[in-house]
C-alpha atoms as a PDB file:
ATOM      1  CA  UNK A   1      58.880 144.389  81.409  1.00  0.00           C
ATOM      2  CA  UNK A   2      62.863 142.571  80.807  1.00  0.00           C
ATOM      3  CA  UNK A   3      63.278 139.292  81.640  1.00  0.00           C
ATOM      4  CA  UNK A   4      66.628 137.778  82.155  1.00  0.00           C
ATOM      5  CA  UNK A   5      67.390 134.514  80.881  1.00  0.00           C
ATOM      6  CA  UNK A   6      68.043 132.361  83.917  1.00  0.00           C
ATOM      7  CA  UNK A   7      71.512 130.410  83.514  1.00  0.00           C
ATOM      8  CA  UNK A   8      70.919 127.062  85.510  1.00  0.00           C
ATOM      9  CA  UNK A   9      72.879 124.012  84.743  1.00  0.00           C
ATOM     10  CA  UNK A  10      71.257 120.909  82.731  1.00  0.00           C
ATOM     11  CA  UNK A  11      70.207 118.367  85.345  1.00  0.00           C
ATOM     12  CA  UNK A  12      72.137 115.943  83.260  1.00  0.00           C
ATOM     13  CA  UNK A  13      75.177 117.571  83.076  1.00  0.00           C
ATOM     14  CA  UNK A  14      75.001 117.833  86.996  1.00  0.00           C
ATOM     15  CA  UNK A  15      74.617 114.182  87.093  1.00  0.00           C
ATOM     16  CA  UNK A  16      77.439 113.953  85.123  1.00  0.00           C
ATOM     17  CA  UNK A  17      79.425 116.057  87.169  1.00  0.00           C
ATOM     18  CA  UNK A  18      78.824 114.338  90.461  1.00  0.00           C
ATOM     19  CA  UNK A  19      79.073 111.037  88.793  1.00  0.00           C
ATOM     20  CA  UNK A  20      82.812 111.729  87.502  1.00  0.00           C
ATOM     21  CA  UNK A  21      83.928 113.349  90.761  1.00  0.00           C
ATOM     22  CA  UNK A  22      82.897 110.204  92.933  1.00  0.00           C
ATOM     23  CA  UNK A  23      84.417 107.643  90.437  1.00  0.00           C
ATOM     24  CA  UNK A  24      87.819 110.068  90.588  1.00  0.00           C
ATOM     25  CA  UNK A  25      87.648 110.189  94.466  1.00  0.00           C
ATOM     26  CA  UNK A  26      86.902 106.305  94.784  1.00  0.00           C
ATOM     27  CA  UNK A  27      89.985 105.407  91.930  1.00  0.00           C
ATOM     28  CA  UNK A  28      92.381 108.248  94.168  1.00  0.00           C
ATOM     29  CA  UNK A  29      91.091 106.179  96.936  1.00  0.00           C
ATOM     30  CA  UNK A  30      92.081 103.022  95.709  1.00  0.00           C
ATOM     31  CA  UNK A  31      95.220 103.747  94.507  1.00  0.00           C
ATOM     32  CA  UNK A  32      96.010 105.600  97.805  1.00  0.00           C
ATOM     33  CA  UNK A  33      95.367 101.959  99.298  1.00  0.00           C
ATOM     34  CA  UNK A  34      92.461 103.838 101.493  1.00  0.00           C
ATOM     35  CA  UNK A  35      89.909 100.805 100.009  1.00  0.00           C
ATOM     36  CA  UNK A  36      90.181  97.336 101.409  1.00  0.00           C
ATOM     37  CA  UNK A  37      91.345  95.168  98.922  1.00  0.00           C
ATOM     38  CA  UNK A  38      89.860  91.387  98.004  1.00  0.00           C
ATOM     39  CA  UNK A  39      91.267  88.435  99.504  1.00  0.00           C
ATOM     40  CA  UNK A  40      89.714  86.260  97.247  1.00  0.00           C
ATOM     41  CA  UNK A  41      91.870  83.150  96.040  1.00  0.00           C
ATOM     42  CA  UNK A  42      91.690  81.734  92.573  1.00  0.00           C
ATOM     43  CA  UNK A  43      89.449  79.124  91.475  1.00  0.00           C
ATOM     44  CA  UNK A  44      91.754  75.840  90.847  1.00  0.00           C
ATOM     45  CA  UNK A  45      88.724  73.869  89.093  1.00  0.00           C
ATOM     46  CA  UNK A  46      88.983  73.190  85.744  1.00  0.00           C
ATOM     47  CA  UNK A  47      86.434  75.129  83.560  1.00  0.00           C
ATOM     48  CA  UNK A  48      84.259  73.200  81.250  1.00  0.00           C
ATOM     49  CA  UNK A  49      83.205  75.853  78.483  1.00  0.00           C
ATOM     50  CA  UNK A  50      81.212  72.994  76.261  1.00  0.00           C
ATOM     51  CA  UNK A  51      80.284  70.395  77.740  1.00  0.00           C
ATOM     52  CA  UNK A  52      80.279  67.277  74.938  1.00  0.00           C
ATOM     53  CA  UNK A  53      77.867  64.425  75.636  1.00  0.00           C
ATOM     54  CA  UNK A  54      80.027  61.334  76.669  1.00  0.00           C
ATOM     55  CA  UNK A  55      80.524  58.999  73.589  1.00  0.00           C
ATOM     56  CA  UNK A  56      81.838  55.458  73.170  1.00  0.00           C
ATOM     57  CA  UNK A  57      85.521  56.799  71.297  1.00  0.00           C
ATOM     58  CA  UNK A  58      88.289  57.211  73.682  1.00  0.00           C
ATOM     59  CA  UNK A  59      88.921  60.733  74.839  1.00  0.00           C
ATOM     60  CA  UNK A  60      91.742  63.225  73.991  1.00  0.00           C
ATOM     61  CA  UNK A  61      93.631  63.925  77.219  1.00  0.00           C
ATOM     62  CA  UNK A  62      93.546  67.097  78.680  1.00  0.00           C
ATOM     63  CA  UNK A  63      96.552  69.293  78.442  1.00  0.00           C
ATOM     64  CA  UNK A  64      98.615  68.729  81.867  1.00  0.00           C
ATOM     65  CA  UNK A  65      99.106  71.852  83.504  1.00  0.00           C
ATOM     66  CA  UNK A  66     102.556  73.115  83.762  1.00  0.00           C
ATOM     67  CA  UNK A  67     104.163  73.725  86.937  1.00  0.00           C
ATOM     68  CA  UNK A  68     104.776  77.093  88.230  1.00  0.00           C
ATOM     69  CA  UNK A  69     108.049  78.003  87.952  1.00  0.00           C
ATOM     70  CA  UNK A  70     109.560  80.749  90.657  1.00  0.00           C
ATOM     71  CA  UNK A  71     112.328  82.533  89.056  1.00  0.00           C
ATOM     72  CA  UNK A  72     114.847  83.835  91.757  1.00  0.00           C
ATOM     73  CA  UNK A  73     118.031  85.950  91.440  1.00  0.00           C
ATOM     74  CA  UNK A  74     121.096  84.441  92.052  1.00  0.00           C
ATOM     75  CA  UNK A  75     123.875  86.877  93.482  1.00  0.00           C
ATOM     76  CA  UNK A  76     127.705  85.786  93.715  1.00  0.00           C
ATOM     77  CA  UNK A  77     129.772  87.031  95.812  1.00  0.00           C
ATOM     78  CA  UNK A  78     133.563  87.309  95.203  1.00  0.00           C
ATOM     79  CA  UNK A  79     135.524  88.023  97.649  1.00  0.00           C
ATOM     80  CA  UNK A  80     139.048  89.587  96.725  1.00  0.00           C
ATOM     81  CA  UNK A  81     142.070  87.977  97.130  1.00  0.00           C
ATOM     82  CA  UNK A  82     145.458  89.985  98.484  1.00  0.00           C
ATOM     83  CA  UNK A  83     148.688  88.394  97.723  1.00  0.00           C
ATOM     84  CA  UNK A  84     151.464  88.218 100.430  1.00  0.00           C
ATOM     85  CA  UNK A  85     154.525  87.046 100.971  1.00  0.00           C
ATOM     86  CA  UNK A  86     155.790  84.790 103.611  1.00  0.00           C
ATOM     87  CA  UNK A  87     158.867  84.781 105.429  1.00  0.00           C
ATOM     88  CA  UNK A  88     159.936  82.064 103.021  1.00  0.00           C
ATOM     89  CA  UNK A  89     159.206  83.988 100.084  1.00  0.00           C
ATOM     90  CA  UNK A  90     156.151  82.231  98.880  1.00  0.00           C
ATOM     91  CA  UNK A  91     153.056  84.151  97.766  1.00  0.00           C
ATOM     92  CA  UNK A  92     149.872  83.230 100.109  1.00  0.00           C
ATOM     93  CA  UNK A  93     146.787  84.452  99.066  1.00  0.00           C
ATOM     94  CA  UNK A  94     144.448  85.605 101.627  1.00  0.00           C
ATOM     95  CA  UNK A  95     140.848  86.990 101.405  1.00  0.00           C
ATOM     96  CA  UNK A  96     140.042  90.616 102.668  1.00  0.00           C
ATOM     97  CA  UNK A  97     137.209  91.413 104.697  1.00  0.00           C
ATOM     98  CA  UNK A  98     134.517  93.907 102.994  1.00  0.00           C
ATOM     99  CA  UNK A  99     132.092  96.146 104.750  1.00  0.00           C
ATOM    100  CA  UNK A 100     128.317  94.612 104.426  1.00  0.00           C
ATOM    101  CA  UNK A 101     126.655  96.558 101.535  1.00  0.00           C
ATOM    102  CA  UNK A 102     124.266  99.345 102.685  1.00  0.00           C
ATOM    103  CA  UNK A 103     120.595  98.696 102.879  1.00  0.00           C
ATOM    104  CA  UNK A 104     118.288 100.447 100.398  1.00  0.00           C
ATOM    105  CA  UNK A 105     116.659 103.328 101.237  1.00  0.00           C
ATOM    106  CA  UNK A 106     112.857 102.941 101.973  1.00  0.00           C
ATOM    107  CA  UNK A 107     110.589 104.633  99.499  1.00  0.00           C
ATOM    108  CA  UNK A 108     108.812 107.585 100.268  1.00  0.00           C
ATOM    109  CA  UNK A 109     105.095 106.658  99.940  1.00  0.00           C
ATOM    110  CA  UNK A 110     102.340 109.146  98.562  1.00  0.00           C
ATOM    111  CA  UNK A 111     100.405 110.971 101.168  1.00  0.00           C
ATOM    112  CA  UNK A 112      96.476 111.737 100.553  1.00  0.00           C
ATOM    113  CA  UNK A 113      96.497 113.929 103.414  1.00  0.00           C
ATOM    114  CA  UNK A 114      99.108 115.831 102.239  1.00  0.00           C
ATOM    115  CA  UNK A 115      97.447 116.299  98.606  1.00  0.00           C
ATOM    116  CA  UNK A 116      94.209 117.093  99.996  1.00  0.00           C
ATOM    117  CA  UNK A 117      95.405 119.661 102.241  1.00  0.00           C
ATOM    118  CA  UNK A 118      97.903 121.302  99.274  1.00  0.00           C
ATOM    119  CA  UNK A 119      94.801 120.895  96.721  1.00  0.00           C
ATOM    120  CA  UNK A 120      92.506 122.991  99.147  1.00  0.00           C
ATOM    121  CA  UNK A 121      95.042 125.816  99.571  1.00  0.00           C
ATOM    122  CA  UNK A 122      96.333 125.779  96.056  1.00  0.00           C
ATOM    123  CA  UNK A 123      92.373 126.110  95.034  1.00  0.00           C
ATOM    124  CA  UNK A 124      91.917 128.900  97.303  1.00  0.00           C
ATOM    125  CA  UNK A 125      95.141 130.416  96.341  1.00  0.00           C
ATOM    126  CA  UNK A 126      94.064 129.911  92.579  1.00  0.00           C
ATOM    127  CA  UNK A 127      90.615 131.393  93.267  1.00  0.00           C
ATOM    128  CA  UNK A 128      92.465 134.644  94.047  1.00  0.00           C
ATOM    129  CA  UNK A 129      93.828 135.049  90.594  1.00  0.00           C
ATOM    130  CA  UNK A 130      92.147 136.545  87.663  1.00  0.00           C
ATOM    131  CA  UNK A 131      88.442 136.633  86.514  1.00  0.00           C
ATOM    132  CA  UNK A 132      85.742 134.620  84.176  1.00  0.00           C
ATOM    133  CA  UNK A 133      87.480 131.553  82.365  1.00  0.00           C
ATOM    134  CA  UNK A 134      91.240 132.512  83.480  1.00  0.00           C
ATOM    135  CA  UNK A 135      89.654 132.472  87.221  1.00  0.00           C
ATOM    136  CA  UNK A 136      88.406 129.049  86.818  1.00  0.00           C
ATOM    137  CA  UNK A 137      91.870 127.956  84.650  1.00  0.00           C
ATOM    138  CA  UNK A 138      93.712 129.466  87.722  1.00  0.00           C
ATOM    139  CA  UNK A 139      91.693 127.869  90.273  1.00  0.00           C
ATOM    140  CA  UNK A 140      92.527 124.390  88.315  1.00  0.00           C
ATOM    141  CA  UNK A 141      96.123 124.971  87.907  1.00  0.00           C
ATOM    142  CA  UNK A 142      96.101 125.831  91.971  1.00  0.00           C
ATOM    143  CA  UNK A 143      94.294 122.529  92.875  1.00  0.00           C
ATOM    144  CA  UNK A 144      96.800 120.446  90.788  1.00  0.00           C
ATOM    145  CA  UNK A 145      99.961 122.267  91.894  1.00  0.00           C
ATOM    146  CA  UNK A 146      98.896 122.473  95.292  1.00  0.00           C
ATOM    147  CA  UNK A 147      97.982 118.644  95.706  1.00  0.00           C
ATOM    148  CA  UNK A 148     101.650 117.833  93.899  1.00  0.00           C
ATOM    149  CA  UNK A 149     103.518 120.465  96.492  1.00  0.00           C
ATOM    150  CA  UNK A 150     101.140 119.202  99.612  1.00  0.00           C
ATOM    151  CA  UNK A 151     102.279 115.961  98.876  1.00  0.00           C
ATOM    152  CA  UNK A 152     105.975 116.281  98.042  1.00  0.00           C
ATOM    153  CA  UNK A 153     106.030 117.724 101.771  1.00  0.00           C
ATOM    154  CA  UNK A 154     104.348 115.009 103.272  1.00  0.00           C
ATOM    155  CA  UNK A 155     106.879 112.671 101.871  1.00  0.00           C
ATOM    156  CA  UNK A 156     109.740 114.878 103.095  1.00  0.00           C
ATOM    157  CA  UNK A 157     108.239 114.808 106.724  1.00  0.00           C
END
């Protein structure tokens, strides 16, 4: 009678793999903006860490809050001057009209759909290559490469 050892995965390894996958998917969804964000406002009431009992001695004034300073970028536009000579021979300076600066191009956003489709296609193609540990490595490389290529294609469209 011959017995073959079973190669079952340990339940704790399976739980760890599922939890890692779930945390990764939630993180990717958060980065991609698929999860709603918090609309909480910061509490402006002062916090009392250690409340000391009131004494008859005068209390030390609490540190006054500094006002919020907003920094803004100041842009100075300088119009070039052109010297012209009028009919009397006097030089006259006249401003030159400038074309408005072009608007900045919009930044392409990451596409979760493009990454997902690319990862699936890349994983399927990578799974067709090699055998054993090489097949696993090729599948992982296919998933990563496919996600990148899918995202770039989605950005361009």
